[in-house]
Amino acid sequence: MDFLTQVALGGVIGHAVGNSNTKTPLGKKAVVVGALLGALPDADVLIQFGNDLNNFVYHRSFSHSLLMLTALSMCLFFITTAFLRPYLKKHTISSPRLLLLIALPLLTHPILDSFTVYGTQLFWPFFTDLNGRSPESWSTLFIIDPLYSIPLFIAFYLSFARPLKVKASNIALGFSCFYLAFTLIVKSIIDSHVVVLKEENALSNASFFSTPTPFNTLLWRAVIMQDNHYRIAYINIFNKEKAVLSPPIEHNKQVLTSQNTNALKKLNWFSHGFYRLDENDDYIIATDLRMGIENAYVFRFAIERKPGVKQEKKLPFKLKNDIDLNKLKDIYTHF
């Protein structure tokens, strides 16, 4: 999820935990602690893993591991109780409440990220074999969803304006849980309709994924992957019968080969196999099909240099891509 939403979620959790059912509430301090802890897992963007593709794949790895964050929560809990015992005694904060104040903002961060399509390694260091289980990618939320985030932003503001009043924070957290459950239900409906589309078009054995289009959970995009090509469908939850499949689009996995097999293995593992290969005059290009729209994908990597092309960057590297908002507008208007 986007960084600001994670900060707001952590702050609202901190506000609710640090100021409920306690004789001496923490007030704004609990909000600040929650916000900082909620933002902490994304500090891994400051780490360079060697090249752009590695940065893409290893973001949301160890820093988003439930095991690592649980261990970090326990460490922070013991450090806090050791060095701030008089302060904690003054504010009558019980050990369980202090542990929740530390652990919940940290642990909810990767869980929320898993609702997006990007891919979160919740169980790192397990399931990191490139031939094994891919990162968690439940894909029920777009990475920026105003309907989900705005209630948290409002509650986050009110937590500073009225630090001893936790009603708004509790309502926002309740809505957060309700909305996430709603997206799971909607995705199950969309997926069932994709299955029908597959059967109607003799694609029963093809794999697929579905994900919301930008900024909403009402219009969804599905990619159906076959041996030699893939097809795309846009499905409106209120008008599912209007969904149609695109013509077949070549993914070129069997046509284009690359000496950079390690890069392809990483991308195949991370994208659950939903990628394609293309070539231009200079490079062989690998594209993650999960994020973006046709001809405007977010993550495209040059993985091999054509003979005679001068070195520009260390391979693989991310290619610049301009997202055409008019394409999104056309999709929204049609469906």
Protein backbone atom coordinates (compact mmCIF):
# COMPACT_ATOMS: atom_id res chain seq x y z
CA MET A 1 0.00 0.00 0.00
CA ASP A 2 1.15 3.59 -0.42
CA PHE A 3 3.45 5.02 2.24
CA LEU A 4 1.06 7.69 3.56
CA THR A 5 -1.69 5.14 4.15
CA GLN A 6 0.71 2.92 6.07
CA VAL A 7 1.74 5.89 8.23
CA ALA A 8 -1.89 6.79 8.89
CA LEU A 9 -2.83 3.18 9.70
CA GLY A 10 0.05 2.84 12.16
CA GLY A 11 -0.77 6.17 13.78
CA VAL A 12 -4.46 5.36 14.15
CA ILE A 13 -3.64 1.95 15.65
CA GLY A 14 -1.21 3.60 18.06
CA HIS A 15 -3.86 6.15 19.04
CA ALA A 16 -6.49 3.49 19.69
CA VAL A 17 -4.18 1.20 21.67
CA GLY A 18 -2.37 3.89 23.65
CA ASN A 19 -5.43 5.85 24.72
CA SER A 20 -8.14 3.26 25.42
CA ASN A 21 -8.95 1.89 28.87
CA THR A 22 -5.94 3.41 30.57
CA LYS A 23 -5.91 5.75 33.57
CA THR A 24 -3.21 7.96 32.05
CA PRO A 25 -3.50 7.91 28.23
CA LEU A 26 -0.46 8.56 26.07
CA GLY A 27 -2.22 11.09 23.83
CA LYS A 28 -0.27 12.22 20.77
CA LYS A 29 2.81 10.23 21.76
CA ALA A 30 1.00 7.00 20.94
CA VAL A 31 0.06 8.37 17.50
CA VAL A 32 3.66 9.31 16.71
CA VAL A 33 5.01 5.94 17.88
CA GLY A 34 2.40 4.08 15.84
CA ALA A 35 3.05 6.17 12.73
CA LEU A 36 6.82 5.65 12.92
CA LEU A 37 6.47 1.91 13.43
CA GLY A 38 3.89 1.71 10.64
CA ALA A 39 6.35 3.35 8.26
CA LEU A 40 9.42 1.37 9.36
CA PRO A 41 9.12 -1.71 7.07
CA ASP A 42 9.29 0.50 3.98
CA ALA A 43 12.73 1.73 5.02
CA ASP A 44 14.05 -1.12 2.87
CA VAL A 45 13.66 1.15 -0.17
CA LEU A 46 16.87 2.80 1.02
CA ILE A 47 18.76 -0.47 0.50
CA GLN A 48 20.38 -1.16 -2.87
CA PHE A 49 20.29 -4.85 -3.77
CA GLY A 50 22.63 -4.61 -6.75
CA ASN A 51 20.37 -3.66 -9.67
CA ASP A 52 16.86 -2.42 -10.46
CA LEU A 53 15.35 -5.88 -10.82
CA ASN A 54 16.75 -6.99 -7.46
CA ASN A 55 15.40 -3.83 -5.86
CA PHE A 56 12.01 -4.69 -7.34
CA VAL A 57 12.05 -8.33 -6.21
CA TYR A 58 13.60 -7.91 -2.75
CA HIS A 59 11.52 -4.94 -1.66
CA ARG A 60 8.96 -6.31 0.83
CA SER A 61 11.21 -9.25 1.70
CA PHE A 62 12.96 -9.49 5.10
CA SER A 63 11.59 -6.10 6.19
CA HIS A 64 8.02 -7.35 5.66
CA SER A 65 8.49 -10.79 7.18
CA LEU A 66 6.02 -11.61 9.95
CA LEU A 67 8.73 -13.63 11.65
CA MET A 68 11.27 -10.79 11.54
CA LEU A 69 8.77 -8.13 12.60
CA THR A 70 7.54 -10.27 15.49
CA ALA A 71 11.14 -10.65 16.66
CA LEU A 72 11.69 -6.91 16.25
CA SER A 73 8.52 -6.20 18.24
CA MET A 74 9.78 -8.34 21.12
CA CYS A 75 13.19 -6.65 21.05
CA LEU A 76 11.65 -3.17 21.09
CA PHE A 77 9.30 -4.24 23.89
CA PHE A 78 12.15 -5.43 26.12
CA ILE A 79 14.29 -2.37 25.34
CA THR A 80 11.37 -0.05 26.15
CA THR A 81 10.53 -1.76 29.43
CA ALA A 82 14.20 -1.73 30.42
CA PHE A 83 14.91 1.93 29.74
CA LEU A 84 11.51 3.61 30.21
CA ARG A 85 10.18 1.77 33.24
CA PRO A 86 9.47 4.93 35.32
CA TYR A 87 7.61 6.55 32.42
CA LEU A 88 5.55 3.41 31.80
CA LYS A 89 4.73 3.11 35.49
CA LYS A 90 3.59 6.74 35.56
CA HIS A 91 1.25 6.14 32.63
CA THR A 92 0.01 2.80 34.03
CA ILE A 93 0.60 1.00 30.72
CA SER A 94 0.35 -2.75 31.11
CA SER A 95 2.89 -4.98 29.41
CA PRO A 96 0.30 -6.53 27.04
CA ARG A 97 -0.88 -3.07 25.96
CA LEU A 98 2.69 -1.88 25.39
CA LEU A 99 3.44 -4.96 23.31
CA LEU A 100 0.31 -4.35 21.21
CA LEU A 101 1.29 -0.71 20.75
CA ILE A 102 4.62 -1.84 19.30
CA ALA A 103 3.61 -4.98 17.41
CA LEU A 104 0.33 -4.05 15.73
CA PRO A 105 1.62 -1.11 13.60
CA LEU A 106 4.57 -3.25 12.49
CA LEU A 107 2.62 -6.41 11.67
CA THR A 108 -0.36 -4.77 9.98
CA HIS A 109 1.98 -3.09 7.47
CA PRO A 110 2.98 -6.26 5.54
CA ILE A 111 -0.48 -7.78 5.91
CA LEU A 112 -2.03 -4.72 4.28
CA ASP A 113 0.65 -4.80 1.56
CA SER A 114 -0.32 -8.40 0.81
CA PHE A 115 -3.76 -7.22 -0.29
CA THR A 116 -2.09 -5.48 -3.25
CA VAL A 117 -0.77 -7.19 -6.37
CA TYR A 118 2.92 -6.30 -5.90
CA GLY A 119 4.02 -9.29 -3.82
CA THR A 120 4.99 -9.44 -0.13
CA GLN A 121 7.28 -12.07 1.37
CA LEU A 122 5.29 -12.55 4.58
CA PHE A 123 7.06 -15.81 5.42
CA TRP A 124 10.66 -14.79 4.68
CA PRO A 125 13.16 -16.49 5.01
CA PHE A 126 10.94 -19.46 4.13
CA PHE A 127 9.52 -19.94 0.60
CA THR A 128 12.29 -17.87 -0.99
CA ASP A 129 13.36 -20.61 -3.42
CA LEU A 130 12.91 -19.22 -6.93
CA ASN A 131 11.30 -22.51 -7.94
CA GLY A 132 8.93 -22.53 -4.99
CA ARG A 133 6.07 -20.49 -3.55
CA SER A 134 5.81 -16.94 -4.91
CA PRO A 135 5.35 -13.92 -2.60
CA GLU A 136 1.87 -13.26 -1.23
CA SER A 137 -0.13 -11.23 -3.75
CA TRP A 138 -3.81 -11.35 -2.85
CA SER A 139 -4.52 -8.48 -5.28
CA THR A 140 -7.79 -7.18 -3.86
CA LEU A 141 -6.61 -3.57 -3.43
CA PHE A 142 -4.94 -1.14 -5.80
CA ILE A 143 -1.82 0.33 -4.21
CA ILE A 144 -3.64 3.67 -3.86
CA ASP A 145 -7.32 3.34 -2.93
CA PRO A 146 -8.93 6.61 -1.76
CA LEU A 147 -12.00 4.89 -0.32
CA TYR A 148 -9.78 2.83 1.96
CA SER A 149 -7.31 5.56 2.85
CA ILE A 150 -9.47 8.67 3.40
CA PRO A 151 -11.15 7.41 6.62
CA LEU A 152 -7.70 6.65 8.03
CA PHE A 153 -6.43 10.10 7.05
CA ILE A 154 -9.39 11.74 8.77
CA ALA A 155 -8.91 9.68 11.93
CA PHE A 156 -5.17 10.39 11.86
CA TYR A 157 -5.86 14.13 11.77
CA LEU A 158 -8.42 13.88 14.57
CA SER A 159 -5.97 11.88 16.69
CA PHE A 160 -3.82 15.01 16.89
CA ALA A 161 -6.72 17.45 17.16
CA ARG A 162 -8.41 15.42 19.91
CA PRO A 163 -5.73 13.06 21.25
CA LEU A 164 -7.77 11.70 24.17
CA LYS A 165 -10.78 10.80 22.02
CA VAL A 166 -10.39 7.44 20.31
CA LYS A 167 -13.85 6.97 18.82
CA ALA A 168 -12.84 8.19 15.35
CA SER A 169 -9.80 5.89 15.36
CA ASN A 170 -11.89 2.89 16.36
CA ILE A 171 -14.43 3.65 13.63
CA ALA A 172 -11.68 4.03 11.00
CA LEU A 173 -10.08 0.74 12.02
CA GLY A 174 -13.45 -0.99 11.91
CA PHE A 175 -14.10 0.41 8.45
CA SER A 176 -10.61 -0.71 7.38
CA CYS A 177 -11.37 -4.31 8.34
CA PHE A 178 -14.81 -4.16 6.73
CA TYR A 179 -13.42 -2.75 3.48
CA LEU A 180 -10.70 -5.40 3.24
CA ALA A 181 -13.32 -8.10 3.74
CA PHE A 182 -15.46 -6.43 1.06
CA THR A 183 -12.57 -6.53 -1.43
CA LEU A 184 -12.09 -10.25 -0.81
CA ILE A 185 -15.76 -10.86 -1.57
CA VAL A 186 -15.64 -8.73 -4.72
CA LYS A 187 -12.52 -10.54 -5.93
CA SER A 188 -14.21 -13.92 -5.47
CA ILE A 189 -17.12 -12.68 -7.62
CA ILE A 190 -14.78 -11.34 -10.29
CA ASP A 191 -12.72 -14.54 -10.33
CA SER A 192 -15.84 -16.66 -10.75
CA HIS A 193 -16.79 -14.55 -13.75
CA VAL A 194 -13.29 -14.92 -15.23
CA VAL A 195 -13.71 -18.69 -14.95
CA VAL A 196 -16.94 -18.40 -16.95
CA LEU A 197 -15.15 -16.28 -19.57
CA LYS A 198 -12.44 -18.91 -19.83
CA GLU A 199 -14.94 -21.70 -20.33
CA GLU A 200 -16.86 -19.71 -22.95
CA ASN A 201 -13.64 -19.17 -24.90
CA ALA A 202 -12.17 -22.66 -24.53
CA LEU A 203 -9.47 -21.46 -22.11
CA SER A 204 -10.32 -23.69 -19.17
CA ASN A 205 -6.73 -24.78 -18.55
CA ALA A 206 -5.21 -21.29 -18.69
CA SER A 207 -3.97 -19.62 -15.50
CA PHE A 208 -5.17 -16.13 -14.62
CA PHE A 209 -5.01 -13.37 -12.06
CA SER A 210 -7.34 -10.46 -11.37
CA THR A 211 -6.65 -7.11 -9.78
CA PRO A 212 -8.53 -3.81 -9.34
CA THR A 213 -7.87 -1.04 -11.82
CA PRO A 214 -6.33 2.15 -10.34
CA PHE A 215 -8.02 3.89 -7.42
CA ASN A 216 -11.11 1.67 -7.07
CA THR A 217 -12.45 -1.84 -6.40
CA LEU A 218 -15.36 -1.74 -8.85
CA LEU A 219 -13.63 -2.17 -12.22
CA TRP A 220 -11.18 -5.07 -12.42
CA ARG A 221 -8.56 -6.23 -14.87
CA ALA A 222 -7.83 -9.90 -15.50
CA VAL A 223 -4.91 -11.43 -17.40
CA ILE A 224 -5.36 -14.97 -18.75
CA MET A 225 -2.06 -16.65 -19.54
CA GLN A 226 -1.71 -19.41 -22.14
CA ASP A 227 1.28 -21.27 -23.55
CA ASN A 228 2.00 -18.84 -26.38
CA HIS A 229 -0.02 -15.72 -25.60
CA TYR A 230 -2.19 -13.97 -23.03
CA ARG A 231 -5.54 -12.17 -23.11
CA ILE A 232 -6.96 -9.34 -21.04
CA ALA A 233 -10.48 -8.73 -19.77
CA TYR A 234 -11.94 -5.73 -17.94
CA ILE A 235 -14.88 -6.55 -15.69
CA ASN A 236 -17.27 -4.11 -14.02
CA ILE A 237 -18.71 -5.58 -10.83
CA PHE A 238 -22.07 -3.92 -11.62
CA ASN A 239 -22.12 -4.98 -15.28
CA LYS A 240 -20.23 -8.26 -15.56
CA GLU A 241 -21.96 -9.24 -18.80
CA LYS A 242 -20.20 -6.38 -20.58
CA ALA A 243 -16.80 -7.99 -20.08
CA VAL A 244 -15.01 -9.08 -23.24
CA LEU A 245 -11.65 -10.68 -23.88
CA SER A 246 -8.96 -8.92 -25.85
CA PRO A 247 -7.44 -10.61 -28.91
CA PRO A 248 -4.47 -12.87 -28.10
CA ILE A 249 -1.24 -10.99 -27.30
CA GLU A 250 2.08 -12.78 -27.72
CA HIS A 251 4.18 -13.05 -24.59
CA ASN A 252 7.20 -14.41 -26.51
CA LYS A 253 8.48 -16.54 -23.64
CA GLN A 254 9.26 -19.40 -25.99
CA VAL A 255 10.44 -17.18 -28.85
CA LEU A 256 12.89 -14.83 -27.17
CA THR A 257 15.72 -16.29 -25.16
CA SER A 258 18.09 -14.53 -22.86
CA GLN A 259 21.47 -15.35 -21.40
CA ASN A 260 20.30 -13.67 -18.20
CA THR A 261 18.39 -16.71 -17.00
CA ASN A 262 18.77 -15.74 -13.33
CA ALA A 263 16.91 -12.47 -13.95
CA LEU A 264 14.10 -14.33 -15.71
CA LYS A 265 13.86 -16.86 -12.89
CA LYS A 266 13.52 -14.04 -10.37
CA LEU A 267 10.87 -12.25 -12.40
CA ASN A 268 8.97 -15.47 -13.10
CA TRP A 269 8.95 -16.30 -9.38
CA PHE A 270 8.02 -12.82 -8.24
CA SER A 271 5.30 -12.24 -10.87
CA HIS A 272 3.77 -15.72 -10.49
CA GLY A 273 4.71 -16.29 -14.16
CA PHE A 274 2.75 -13.30 -15.47
CA TYR A 275 5.42 -11.59 -17.54
CA ARG A 276 6.26 -11.18 -21.20
CA LEU A 277 9.38 -10.62 -23.30
CA ASP A 278 9.85 -8.05 -26.06
CA GLU A 279 12.77 -6.65 -27.97
CA ASN A 280 13.68 -3.30 -29.42
CA ASP A 281 16.79 -2.19 -31.29
CA ASP A 282 18.90 -2.24 -28.12
CA TYR A 283 17.55 -4.70 -25.57
CA ILE A 284 15.47 -7.73 -24.72
CA ILE A 285 12.85 -6.42 -22.32
CA ALA A 286 10.95 -8.27 -19.59
CA THR A 287 7.63 -6.80 -18.43
CA ASP A 288 5.60 -7.63 -15.32
CA LEU A 289 2.01 -7.92 -16.59
CA ARG A 290 0.38 -7.51 -13.20
CA MET A 291 0.83 -3.76 -12.78
CA GLY A 292 -0.37 -1.29 -15.41
CA ILE A 293 -2.36 -1.60 -18.62
CA GLU A 294 -1.41 -2.73 -22.09
CA ASN A 295 1.40 -0.57 -23.53
CA ALA A 296 1.68 1.25 -20.21
CA TYR A 297 3.12 -1.23 -17.73
CA VAL A 298 4.90 0.10 -14.65
CA PHE A 299 7.74 -2.41 -14.32
CA ARG A 300 9.74 -3.08 -17.49
CA PHE A 301 13.36 -4.22 -17.32
CA ALA A 302 16.09 -4.40 -19.93
CA ILE A 303 17.62 -7.80 -19.20
CA GLU A 304 19.94 -8.32 -22.16
CA ARG A 305 21.85 -5.95 -24.43
CA LYS A 306 21.78 -6.54 -28.19
CA PRO A 307 25.16 -7.08 -29.92
CA GLY A 308 26.94 -3.80 -30.65
CA VAL A 309 24.88 -1.71 -28.21
CA LYS A 310 27.01 0.48 -25.97
CA GLN A 311 26.74 -0.10 -22.25
CA GLU A 312 24.32 2.29 -20.57
CA LYS A 313 23.67 0.78 -17.16
CA LYS A 314 24.36 -2.43 -15.34
CA LEU A 315 21.86 -5.04 -16.51
CA PRO A 316 19.10 -5.58 -15.68
CA PHE A 317 17.75 -2.05 -15.25
CA LYS A 318 14.29 -0.50 -15.17
CA LEU A 319 13.09 1.30 -18.28
CA LYS A 320 11.26 4.59 -18.05
CA ASN A 321 7.58 4.36 -18.85
CA ASP A 322 5.03 7.14 -19.20
CA ILE A 323 1.55 6.20 -18.01
CA ASP A 324 -1.07 7.63 -20.33
CA LEU A 325 -3.99 8.68 -18.12
CA ASN A 326 -6.19 9.01 -21.21
CA LYS A 327 -5.97 5.23 -21.65
CA LEU A 328 -7.33 4.77 -18.15
CA LYS A 329 -10.05 7.30 -18.86
CA ASP A 330 -11.08 5.38 -21.97
CA ILE A 331 -11.26 2.13 -20.02
CA TYR A 332 -13.34 3.67 -17.24
CA THR A 333 -15.67 5.31 -19.74
CA HIS A 334 -16.24 2.12 -21.74
CA PHE A 335 -16.81 -0.24 -18.84
